[in-house]
């Protein structure tokens, strides 16, 4: 059957995703833990000169693991069961449909978690700590970018899964990119840190007051973060054509 259009494949992916209860439960539970960590961080914030917004969004460290790993499994699962890949001859179409559907779901989940983390975390702040509000432009920007970052990490995981194909190896690659490389390049200097997604998230995207050394605009830093999934998905699509030719 070669008559599948992109909308048909996207619909198939949406049906598959929403009927996999384990995926939706893990995503939902992961975002709840992300919010809970933000509340704990807010309650433990005592500094009156720091950045409370960045503190209550600290759960992003856990949330990125959940969206990233689910992104990996969303793609590597195709190589174990192969239902959609077997049905759709134009295999890159499957990858792009997955990117659209999973990316949209991860974005909604990420934004909900970010806003919930902020609202509940700020409510948990001590009276002596300044209470930022969403009506403040930089604060709203930080919250929105935090949710977008979680979706981008999910798409990065999807791209890694398309390139590596093996679930465990892809998860290890994702973890290395998120946690090991920032340590290595962070030690080499802050200039390199501006290209590491996790450091970008903590020091720029989720911060009202970006950390010195991250002098670029948070919007530019968000664009840099988006380059990673874009390149990985492009390479993954190319490999799908090459490997299955």
C-alpha atoms as a PDB file:
ATOM      1  CA  UNK A   1       0.000   0.000   0.000  1.00  0.00           C
ATOM      2  CA  UNK A   2       1.695   3.194  -1.154  1.00  0.00           C
ATOM      3  CA  UNK A   3      -1.170   5.652  -0.966  1.00  0.00           C
ATOM      4  CA  UNK A   4      -0.579   6.856   2.586  1.00  0.00           C
ATOM      5  CA  UNK A   5      -0.416  10.614   2.998  1.00  0.00           C
ATOM      6  CA  UNK A   6       1.276  12.445   5.828  1.00  0.00           C
ATOM      7  CA  UNK A   7      -2.058  13.141   7.517  1.00  0.00           C
ATOM      8  CA  UNK A   8      -2.908   9.419   7.388  1.00  0.00           C
ATOM      9  CA  UNK A   9       0.367   8.423   9.016  1.00  0.00           C
ATOM     10  CA  UNK A  10       0.043  11.178  11.621  1.00  0.00           C
ATOM     11  CA  UNK A  11      -3.436   9.921  12.474  1.00  0.00           C
ATOM     12  CA  UNK A  12      -2.058   6.398  12.857  1.00  0.00           C
ATOM     13  CA  UNK A  13       0.650   7.675  15.179  1.00  0.00           C
ATOM     14  CA  UNK A  14      -1.839   9.617  17.271  1.00  0.00           C
ATOM     15  CA  UNK A  15      -4.070   6.561  17.679  1.00  0.00           C
ATOM     16  CA  UNK A  16      -1.055   4.449  18.631  1.00  0.00           C
ATOM     17  CA  UNK A  17       0.234   7.009  21.136  1.00  0.00           C
ATOM     18  CA  UNK A  18      -3.033   7.675  22.929  1.00  0.00           C
ATOM     19  CA  UNK A  19      -3.907   3.977  23.151  1.00  0.00           C
ATOM     20  CA  UNK A  20      -0.544   3.083  24.727  1.00  0.00           C
ATOM     21  CA  UNK A  21      -1.572   3.643  28.331  1.00  0.00           C
ATOM     22  CA  UNK A  22       1.924   2.990  29.641  1.00  0.00           C
ATOM     23  CA  UNK A  23       3.367   5.885  27.631  1.00  0.00           C
ATOM     24  CA  UNK A  24       0.703   8.349  28.691  1.00  0.00           C
ATOM     25  CA  UNK A  25       0.879   7.203  32.324  1.00  0.00           C
ATOM     26  CA  UNK A  26       4.665   7.536  32.434  1.00  0.00           C
ATOM     27  CA  UNK A  27       4.491  10.957  30.809  1.00  0.00           C
ATOM     28  CA  UNK A  28       1.786  12.127  33.196  1.00  0.00           C
ATOM     29  CA  UNK A  29       3.544  10.722  36.274  1.00  0.00           C
ATOM     30  CA  UNK A  30       6.839  12.230  35.146  1.00  0.00           C
ATOM     31  CA  UNK A  31       5.321  15.665  34.771  1.00  0.00           C
ATOM     32  CA  UNK A  32       3.707  15.345  38.215  1.00  0.00           C
ATOM     33  CA  UNK A  33       7.096  14.568  39.736  1.00  0.00           C
ATOM     34  CA  UNK A  34       8.518  17.550  37.848  1.00  0.00           C
ATOM     35  CA  UNK A  35       5.892  19.780  39.446  1.00  0.00           C
ATOM     36  CA  UNK A  36       6.472  18.259  42.885  1.00  0.00           C
ATOM     37  CA  UNK A  37      10.195  18.965  42.650  1.00  0.00           C
ATOM     38  CA  UNK A  38       9.397  22.565  41.764  1.00  0.00           C
ATOM     39  CA  UNK A  39       7.192  22.912  44.829  1.00  0.00           C
ATOM     40  CA  UNK A  40       9.920  21.471  47.066  1.00  0.00           C
ATOM     41  CA  UNK A  41      12.475  23.827  45.524  1.00  0.00           C
ATOM     42  CA  UNK A  42      10.137  26.762  46.100  1.00  0.00           C
ATOM     43  CA  UNK A  43       9.566  25.848  49.728  1.00  0.00           C
ATOM     44  CA  UNK A  44      13.321  25.574  50.301  1.00  0.00           C
ATOM     45  CA  UNK A  45      14.107  28.920  48.644  1.00  0.00           C
ATOM     46  CA  UNK A  46      15.336  31.408  51.233  1.00  0.00           C
ATOM     47  CA  UNK A  47      17.411  33.890  49.239  1.00  0.00           C
ATOM     48  CA  UNK A  48      15.779  37.270  48.642  1.00  0.00           C
ATOM     49  CA  UNK A  49      18.292  38.231  45.954  1.00  0.00           C
ATOM     50  CA  UNK A  50      18.246  35.097  43.793  1.00  0.00           C
ATOM     51  CA  UNK A  51      15.929  33.978  40.996  1.00  0.00           C
ATOM     52  CA  UNK A  52      12.806  32.322  42.488  1.00  0.00           C
ATOM     53  CA  UNK A  53      11.434  31.574  39.027  1.00  0.00           C
ATOM     54  CA  UNK A  54      14.474  29.513  38.120  1.00  0.00           C
ATOM     55  CA  UNK A  55      14.278  27.715  41.463  1.00  0.00           C
ATOM     56  CA  UNK A  56      10.659  26.606  41.109  1.00  0.00           C
ATOM     57  CA  UNK A  57      11.351  25.388  37.578  1.00  0.00           C
ATOM     58  CA  UNK A  58      14.151  23.145  38.838  1.00  0.00           C
ATOM     59  CA  UNK A  59      12.056  20.032  38.219  1.00  0.00           C
ATOM     60  CA  UNK A  60      12.957  20.407  34.556  1.00  0.00           C
ATOM     61  CA  UNK A  61      16.039  18.300  35.339  1.00  0.00           C
ATOM     62  CA  UNK A  62      13.764  15.304  35.932  1.00  0.00           C
ATOM     63  CA  UNK A  63      11.201  16.203  33.300  1.00  0.00           C
ATOM     64  CA  UNK A  64      13.774  16.218  30.509  1.00  0.00           C
ATOM     65  CA  UNK A  65      14.704  12.624  31.329  1.00  0.00           C
ATOM     66  CA  UNK A  66      11.085  11.501  31.020  1.00  0.00           C
ATOM     67  CA  UNK A  67      10.355  13.247  27.716  1.00  0.00           C
ATOM     68  CA  UNK A  68      13.742  12.285  26.290  1.00  0.00           C
ATOM     69  CA  UNK A  69      13.472   8.577  27.141  1.00  0.00           C
ATOM     70  CA  UNK A  70       9.875   8.406  25.913  1.00  0.00           C
ATOM     71  CA  UNK A  71      11.032  10.012  22.664  1.00  0.00           C
ATOM     72  CA  UNK A  72      13.706   7.333  22.293  1.00  0.00           C
ATOM     73  CA  UNK A  73      11.234   4.517  22.961  1.00  0.00           C
ATOM     74  CA  UNK A  74       8.646   5.989  20.601  1.00  0.00           C
ATOM     75  CA  UNK A  75      11.085   5.442  17.737  1.00  0.00           C
ATOM     76  CA  UNK A  76      13.080   2.373  18.784  1.00  0.00           C
ATOM     77  CA  UNK A  77       9.805   0.562  19.452  1.00  0.00           C
ATOM     78  CA  UNK A  78       9.221   0.629  15.709  1.00  0.00           C
ATOM     79  CA  UNK A  79      12.265  -1.560  15.163  1.00  0.00           C
ATOM     80  CA  UNK A  80      10.969  -4.231  17.552  1.00  0.00           C
ATOM     81  CA  UNK A  81       7.369  -4.412  16.330  1.00  0.00           C
ATOM     82  CA  UNK A  82       7.627  -2.486  13.048  1.00  0.00           C
ATOM     83  CA  UNK A  83       3.882  -2.059  12.585  1.00  0.00           C
ATOM     84  CA  UNK A  84       3.913   1.408  11.053  1.00  0.00           C
ATOM     85  CA  UNK A  85       7.212   0.952   9.219  1.00  0.00           C
ATOM     86  CA  UNK A  86       5.875  -2.222   7.620  1.00  0.00           C
ATOM     87  CA  UNK A  87       2.645  -0.533   6.564  1.00  0.00           C
ATOM     88  CA  UNK A  88       4.152   2.653   5.139  1.00  0.00           C
ATOM     89  CA  UNK A  89       6.677   2.201   2.316  1.00  0.00           C
ATOM     90  CA  UNK A  90       7.892   5.805   2.624  1.00  0.00           C
ATOM     91  CA  UNK A  91       9.581   5.236   5.961  1.00  0.00           C
ATOM     92  CA  UNK A  92      10.828   8.804   6.549  1.00  0.00           C
ATOM     93  CA  UNK A  93       7.156   9.776   6.529  1.00  0.00           C
ATOM     94  CA  UNK A  94       6.739   7.698   9.686  1.00  0.00           C
ATOM     95  CA  UNK A  95       9.555   9.589  11.383  1.00  0.00           C
ATOM     96  CA  UNK A  96       8.138  13.013  10.534  1.00  0.00           C
ATOM     97  CA  UNK A  97       4.645  11.949  11.632  1.00  0.00           C
ATOM     98  CA  UNK A  98       6.055  10.689  14.918  1.00  0.00           C
ATOM     99  CA  UNK A  99       7.932  13.962  15.374  1.00  0.00           C
ATOM    100  CA  UNK A 100       4.753  15.978  14.853  1.00  0.00           C
ATOM    101  CA  UNK A 101       2.505  13.880  17.079  1.00  0.00           C
ATOM    102  CA  UNK A 102       4.952  13.133  19.880  1.00  0.00           C
ATOM    103  CA  UNK A 103       6.349  16.661  19.763  1.00  0.00           C
ATOM    104  CA  UNK A 104       2.873  18.151  20.131  1.00  0.00           C
ATOM    105  CA  UNK A 105       2.011  15.873  23.056  1.00  0.00           C
ATOM    106  CA  UNK A 106       5.353  16.575  24.750  1.00  0.00           C
ATOM    107  CA  UNK A 107       4.868  20.310  24.240  1.00  0.00           C
ATOM    108  CA  UNK A 108       1.423  20.292  25.851  1.00  0.00           C
ATOM    109  CA  UNK A 109       2.670  18.146  28.743  1.00  0.00           C
ATOM    110  CA  UNK A 110       5.776  20.294  29.145  1.00  0.00           C
ATOM    111  CA  UNK A 111       3.864  23.565  29.210  1.00  0.00           C
ATOM    112  CA  UNK A 112       1.332  22.213  31.698  1.00  0.00           C
ATOM    113  CA  UNK A 113       4.152  21.007  33.936  1.00  0.00           C
ATOM    114  CA  UNK A 114       6.038  24.299  33.634  1.00  0.00           C
ATOM    115  CA  UNK A 115       3.032  26.468  34.481  1.00  0.00           C
ATOM    116  CA  UNK A 116       1.967  24.156  37.312  1.00  0.00           C
ATOM    117  CA  UNK A 117       5.525  24.141  38.694  1.00  0.00           C
ATOM    118  CA  UNK A 118       5.608  27.916  38.632  1.00  0.00           C
ATOM    119  CA  UNK A 119       2.178  28.544  40.151  1.00  0.00           C
ATOM    120  CA  UNK A 120       2.469  25.924  42.893  1.00  0.00           C
ATOM    121  CA  UNK A 121       6.146  26.595  43.509  1.00  0.00           C
ATOM    122  CA  UNK A 122       5.576  30.329  43.924  1.00  0.00           C
ATOM    123  CA  UNK A 123       2.692  29.591  46.279  1.00  0.00           C
ATOM    124  CA  UNK A 124       5.120  27.555  48.397  1.00  0.00           C
ATOM    125  CA  UNK A 125       7.653  30.398  48.683  1.00  0.00           C
ATOM    126  CA  UNK A 126       8.254  31.873  52.108  1.00  0.00           C
ATOM    127  CA  UNK A 127       6.707  35.336  52.711  1.00  0.00           C
ATOM    128  CA  UNK A 128      10.164  36.919  52.913  1.00  0.00           C
ATOM    129  CA  UNK A 129      11.090  35.807  49.373  1.00  0.00           C
ATOM    130  CA  UNK A 130       9.970  37.953  46.395  1.00  0.00           C
ATOM    131  CA  UNK A 131       7.016  36.417  44.567  1.00  0.00           C
ATOM    132  CA  UNK A 132       7.342  36.847  40.764  1.00  0.00           C
ATOM    133  CA  UNK A 133       4.195  36.863  38.631  1.00  0.00           C
ATOM    134  CA  UNK A 134       3.324  35.710  35.121  1.00  0.00           C
ATOM    135  CA  UNK A 135       2.348  39.276  34.296  1.00  0.00           C
ATOM    136  CA  UNK A 136       6.067  40.061  34.243  1.00  0.00           C
ATOM    137  CA  UNK A 137       7.412  39.528  30.725  1.00  0.00           C
ATOM    138  CA  UNK A 138      10.712  37.817  31.611  1.00  0.00           C
ATOM    139  CA  UNK A 139       8.923  35.495  34.030  1.00  0.00           C
ATOM    140  CA  UNK A 140       6.332  34.409  31.463  1.00  0.00           C
ATOM    141  CA  UNK A 141       9.097  33.919  28.902  1.00  0.00           C
ATOM    142  CA  UNK A 142      11.032  31.664  31.285  1.00  0.00           C
ATOM    143  CA  UNK A 143       7.995  29.496  32.031  1.00  0.00           C
ATOM    144  CA  UNK A 144       6.994  29.124  28.366  1.00  0.00           C
ATOM    145  CA  UNK A 145      10.564  28.313  27.325  1.00  0.00           C
ATOM    146  CA  UNK A 146      10.824  25.669  30.036  1.00  0.00           C
ATOM    147  CA  UNK A 147       7.849  23.811  28.590  1.00  0.00           C
ATOM    148  CA  UNK A 148       9.228  24.170  25.070  1.00  0.00           C
ATOM    149  CA  UNK A 149      12.591  22.840  26.235  1.00  0.00           C
ATOM    150  CA  UNK A 150      10.990  19.651  27.544  1.00  0.00           C
ATOM    151  CA  UNK A 151       9.378  19.081  24.132  1.00  0.00           C
ATOM    152  CA  UNK A 152      12.677  19.700  22.336  1.00  0.00           C
ATOM    153  CA  UNK A 153      14.431  17.127  24.529  1.00  0.00           C
ATOM    154  CA  UNK A 154      11.675  14.665  23.669  1.00  0.00           C
ATOM    155  CA  UNK A 155      12.265  15.269  19.965  1.00  0.00           C
ATOM    156  CA  UNK A 156      16.006  14.928  20.531  1.00  0.00           C
ATOM    157  CA  UNK A 157      15.356  11.504  22.050  1.00  0.00           C
ATOM    158  CA  UNK A 158      13.194  10.626  19.053  1.00  0.00           C
ATOM    159  CA  UNK A 159      15.987  11.656  16.697  1.00  0.00           C
ATOM    160  CA  UNK A 160      18.589   9.663  18.625  1.00  0.00           C
ATOM    161  CA  UNK A 161      16.305   6.642  18.494  1.00  0.00           C
ATOM    162  CA  UNK A 162      16.007   6.994  14.721  1.00  0.00           C
ATOM    163  CA  UNK A 163      19.791   7.176  14.312  1.00  0.00           C
ATOM    164  CA  UNK A 164      20.870   4.546  16.859  1.00  0.00           C
ATOM    165  CA  UNK A 165      17.846   2.223  16.587  1.00  0.00           C
ATOM    166  CA  UNK A 166      18.750   0.211  19.727  1.00  0.00           C
ATOM    167  CA  UNK A 167      16.769   1.307  22.781  1.00  0.00           C
ATOM    168  CA  UNK A 168      19.399   0.895  25.500  1.00  0.00           C
ATOM    169  CA  UNK A 169      22.166   2.414  23.373  1.00  0.00           C
ATOM    170  CA  UNK A 170      19.941   5.345  22.420  1.00  0.00           C
ATOM    171  CA  UNK A 171      18.991   6.032  26.049  1.00  0.00           C
ATOM    172  CA  UNK A 172      22.664   5.899  27.026  1.00  0.00           C
ATOM    173  CA  UNK A 173      23.488   8.347  24.229  1.00  0.00           C
ATOM    174  CA  UNK A 174      20.741  10.686  25.394  1.00  0.00           C
ATOM    175  CA  UNK A 175      21.902  10.533  29.005  1.00  0.00           C
ATOM    176  CA  UNK A 176      25.490  11.184  27.964  1.00  0.00           C
ATOM    177  CA  UNK A 177      24.460  14.187  25.913  1.00  0.00           C
ATOM    178  CA  UNK A 178      22.300  15.647  28.669  1.00  0.00           C
ATOM    179  CA  UNK A 179      24.465  15.024  31.713  1.00  0.00           C
ATOM    180  CA  UNK A 180      28.026  13.987  30.812  1.00  0.00           C
ATOM    181  CA  UNK A 181      28.859  16.428  28.024  1.00  0.00           C
ATOM    182  CA  UNK A 182      27.699  19.474  30.047  1.00  0.00           C
ATOM    183  CA  UNK A 183      30.136  18.478  32.795  1.00  0.00           C
ATOM    184  CA  UNK A 184      32.981  18.050  30.308  1.00  0.00           C
ATOM    185  CA  UNK A 185      32.330  21.192  28.307  1.00  0.00           C
ATOM    186  CA  UNK A 186      31.227  23.176  31.358  1.00  0.00           C
ATOM    187  CA  UNK A 187      34.608  22.519  32.897  1.00  0.00           C
ATOM    188  CA  UNK A 188      36.231  23.769  29.689  1.00  0.00           C
ATOM    189  CA  UNK A 189      34.546  27.151  30.038  1.00  0.00           C
ATOM    190  CA  UNK A 190      31.181  28.865  29.975  1.00  0.00           C
ATOM    191  CA  UNK A 191      31.546  29.703  26.298  1.00  0.00           C
ATOM    192  CA  UNK A 192      31.115  26.011  25.449  1.00  0.00           C
ATOM    193  CA  UNK A 193      28.289  25.706  27.954  1.00  0.00           C
ATOM    194  CA  UNK A 194      26.164  27.979  25.791  1.00  0.00           C
ATOM    195  CA  UNK A 195      25.854  25.066  23.348  1.00  0.00           C
ATOM    196  CA  UNK A 196      24.869  22.399  25.901  1.00  0.00           C
ATOM    197  CA  UNK A 197      21.057  21.952  26.199  1.00  0.00           C
ATOM    198  CA  UNK A 198      20.930  21.237  29.926  1.00  0.00           C
ATOM    199  CA  UNK A 199      23.166  24.191  30.769  1.00  0.00           C
ATOM    200  CA  UNK A 200      21.149  26.372  28.404  1.00  0.00           C
ATOM    201  CA  UNK A 201      17.938  25.357  30.184  1.00  0.00           C
ATOM    202  CA  UNK A 202      19.172  26.003  33.704  1.00  0.00           C
ATOM    203  CA  UNK A 203      21.205  29.134  33.036  1.00  0.00           C
ATOM    204  CA  UNK A 204      19.175  30.874  30.344  1.00  0.00           C
ATOM    205  CA  UNK A 205      15.804  29.455  29.278  1.00  0.00           C
ATOM    206  CA  UNK A 206      14.356  28.859  32.754  1.00  0.00           C
ATOM    207  CA  UNK A 207      16.072  31.881  34.294  1.00  0.00           C
ATOM    208  CA  UNK A 208      14.683  35.388  34.608  1.00  0.00           C
ATOM    209  CA  UNK A 209      18.224  36.540  35.324  1.00  0.00           C
ATOM    210  CA  UNK A 210      20.477  34.551  32.950  1.00  0.00           C
ATOM    211  CA  UNK A 211      23.743  33.420  34.537  1.00  0.00           C
ATOM    212  CA  UNK A 212      26.766  35.563  33.561  1.00  0.00           C
ATOM    213  CA  UNK A 213      28.536  33.971  30.627  1.00  0.00           C
ATOM    214  CA  UNK A 214      25.248  33.187  28.882  1.00  0.00           C
ATOM    215  CA  UNK A 215      25.178  36.595  27.256  1.00  0.00           C
ATOM    216  CA  UNK A 216      23.179  35.522  24.236  1.00  0.00           C
ATOM    217  CA  UNK A 217      19.442  36.090  24.104  1.00  0.00           C
ATOM    218  CA  UNK A 218      17.340  33.246  25.580  1.00  0.00           C
ATOM    219  CA  UNK A 219      15.539  33.133  22.230  1.00  0.00           C
ATOM    220  CA  UNK A 220      18.828  32.440  20.466  1.00  0.00           C
ATOM    221  CA  UNK A 221      19.657  29.813  23.072  1.00  0.00           C
ATOM    222  CA  UNK A 222      16.261  28.187  22.419  1.00  0.00           C
ATOM    223  CA  UNK A 223      17.041  28.152  18.695  1.00  0.00           C
ATOM    224  CA  UNK A 224      20.396  26.486  19.410  1.00  0.00           C
ATOM    225  CA  UNK A 225      18.596  23.833  21.463  1.00  0.00           C
ATOM    226  CA  UNK A 226      16.179  23.247  18.570  1.00  0.00           C
ATOM    227  CA  UNK A 227      19.070  22.574  16.192  1.00  0.00           C
ATOM    228  CA  UNK A 228      19.855  19.271  17.940  1.00  0.00           C
ATOM    229  CA  UNK A 229      16.529  17.505  17.245  1.00  0.00           C
ATOM    230  CA  UNK A 230      16.349  19.055  13.773  1.00  0.00           C
ATOM    231  CA  UNK A 231      19.732  17.631  12.765  1.00  0.00           C
ATOM    232  CA  UNK A 232      19.104  14.247  14.391  1.00  0.00           C
ATOM    233  CA  UNK A 233      15.702  13.883  12.725  1.00  0.00           C
ATOM    234  CA  UNK A 234      17.184  14.849   9.355  1.00  0.00           C
ATOM    235  CA  UNK A 235      19.968  12.275   9.754  1.00  0.00           C
ATOM    236  CA  UNK A 236      17.479   9.692  10.987  1.00  0.00           C
ATOM    237  CA  UNK A 237      15.261  10.236   7.956  1.00  0.00           C
ATOM    238  CA  UNK A 238      18.242   9.902   5.629  1.00  0.00           C
ATOM    239  CA  UNK A 239      19.325   6.662   7.333  1.00  0.00           C
ATOM    240  CA  UNK A 240      15.828   5.248   7.003  1.00  0.00           C
ATOM    241  CA  UNK A 241      16.090   5.702   3.242  1.00  0.00           C
ATOM    242  CA  UNK A 242      19.616   4.286   3.095  1.00  0.00           C
ATOM    243  CA  UNK A 243      19.083   1.306   5.375  1.00  0.00           C
ATOM    244  CA  UNK A 244      15.773   0.234   3.855  1.00  0.00           C
ATOM    245  CA  UNK A 245      16.661   0.897   0.214  1.00  0.00           C
END
